[in-house]
Amino acid sequence: MGTYLISYDLLDSDKETDLLAYLKNATMATKSAYLLNTNMTPGQLVDGIRKLTNNKVNVYVLTIANPYSGWGPPAANDWLTKNLP
């Protein structure tokens, strides 16, 4: 299972509802960055997001692990504490 930070810049706001549904199991870190544990690879996630948005997105999927530094919403901070390897 991979632990990822998904960061995106949606170029077509009409696809936002679909993208958020795709990320429903992820925890919001910032308005356009999500935290996710999944069996999918970074490439599979990027491909899925690009297909869903008709390639109207800039997207990065980064593998994350301890140590890290940052601060944000309590739910994201808790998620990082509990889930990072």
Protein backbone atom coordinates (compact mmCIF):
# COMPACT_ATOMS: atom_id res chain seq x y z
CA MET A 1 0.00 0.00 0.00
CA GLY A 2 1.26 3.46 -0.87
CA THR A 3 0.92 6.68 1.09
CA TYR A 4 0.51 9.65 -1.23
CA LEU A 5 0.04 13.38 -1.44
CA ILE A 6 -2.07 14.25 -4.49
CA SER A 7 -1.76 17.86 -5.60
CA TYR A 8 -3.73 19.23 -8.51
CA ASP A 9 -4.70 22.36 -10.39
CA LEU A 10 -8.01 21.74 -12.13
CA LEU A 11 -8.22 23.58 -15.47
CA ASP A 12 -11.95 22.85 -15.98
CA SER A 13 -14.05 23.67 -12.93
CA ASP A 14 -16.96 21.66 -14.38
CA LYS A 15 -15.02 18.51 -13.41
CA GLU A 16 -14.53 19.43 -9.74
CA THR A 17 -17.49 17.39 -8.45
CA ASP A 18 -16.26 14.31 -10.35
CA LEU A 19 -12.71 14.78 -9.08
CA LEU A 20 -13.84 15.15 -5.47
CA ALA A 21 -15.93 11.98 -5.83
CA TYR A 22 -12.82 10.19 -7.13
CA LEU A 23 -10.92 11.40 -4.05
CA LYS A 24 -13.74 10.55 -1.61
CA ASN A 25 -11.53 8.22 0.46
CA ALA A 26 -8.76 10.82 0.71
CA THR A 27 -8.23 13.40 3.46
CA MET A 28 -8.06 17.04 2.43
CA ALA A 29 -4.73 18.66 3.29
CA THR A 30 -5.38 21.93 1.42
CA LYS A 31 -8.00 23.05 -1.10
CA SER A 32 -6.23 21.21 -3.91
CA ALA A 33 -4.09 18.64 -2.10
CA TYR A 34 -5.24 15.34 -0.62
CA LEU A 35 -3.68 12.55 1.45
CA LEU A 36 -4.42 8.95 0.53
CA ASN A 37 -3.44 5.37 1.37
CA THR A 38 -4.16 3.08 -1.58
CA ASN A 39 -3.00 -0.01 -3.42
CA MET A 40 -2.92 2.03 -6.63
CA THR A 41 0.41 3.27 -7.97
CA PRO A 42 1.15 6.97 -8.50
CA GLY A 43 0.86 6.39 -12.26
CA GLN A 44 -2.56 4.76 -11.89
CA LEU A 45 -3.79 7.68 -9.80
CA VAL A 46 -2.51 10.26 -12.29
CA ASP A 47 -4.01 8.33 -15.21
CA GLY A 48 -7.38 8.04 -13.43
CA ILE A 49 -7.47 11.74 -12.57
CA ARG A 50 -6.44 12.80 -16.08
CA LYS A 51 -9.05 10.53 -17.68
CA LEU A 52 -11.76 11.81 -15.35
CA THR A 53 -10.93 15.45 -16.14
CA ASN A 54 -10.36 14.95 -19.89
CA ASN A 55 -6.70 15.86 -19.31
CA LYS A 56 -7.70 19.34 -18.09
CA VAL A 57 -5.64 19.12 -14.93
CA ASN A 58 -2.11 19.56 -13.71
CA VAL A 59 -1.55 16.79 -11.18
CA TYR A 60 1.28 15.34 -9.11
CA VAL A 61 1.15 12.23 -6.95
CA LEU A 62 4.00 12.07 -4.47
CA THR A 63 4.92 9.21 -2.16
CA ILE A 64 5.20 10.57 1.38
CA ALA A 65 6.83 9.26 4.56
CA ASN A 66 8.33 10.44 7.82
CA PRO A 67 10.02 12.68 8.53
CA TYR A 68 7.84 15.48 7.24
CA SER A 69 7.17 19.05 8.27
CA GLY A 70 4.00 21.04 7.84
CA TRP A 71 0.83 22.21 9.50
CA GLY A 72 -2.72 22.44 8.28
CA PRO A 73 -6.25 21.34 9.10
CA PRO A 74 -6.54 19.13 12.21
CA ALA A 75 -7.91 16.21 10.16
CA ALA A 76 -4.86 16.32 7.88
CA ASN A 77 -2.44 16.61 10.81
CA ASP A 78 -4.07 13.62 12.51
CA TRP A 79 -4.03 11.62 9.29
CA LEU A 80 -0.31 12.27 8.81
CA THR A 81 0.47 11.27 12.40
CA LYS A 82 -1.48 8.01 12.08
CA ASN A 83 -0.61 6.97 8.52
CA LEU A 84 2.91 7.94 7.55
CA PRO A 85 5.49 5.18 7.57
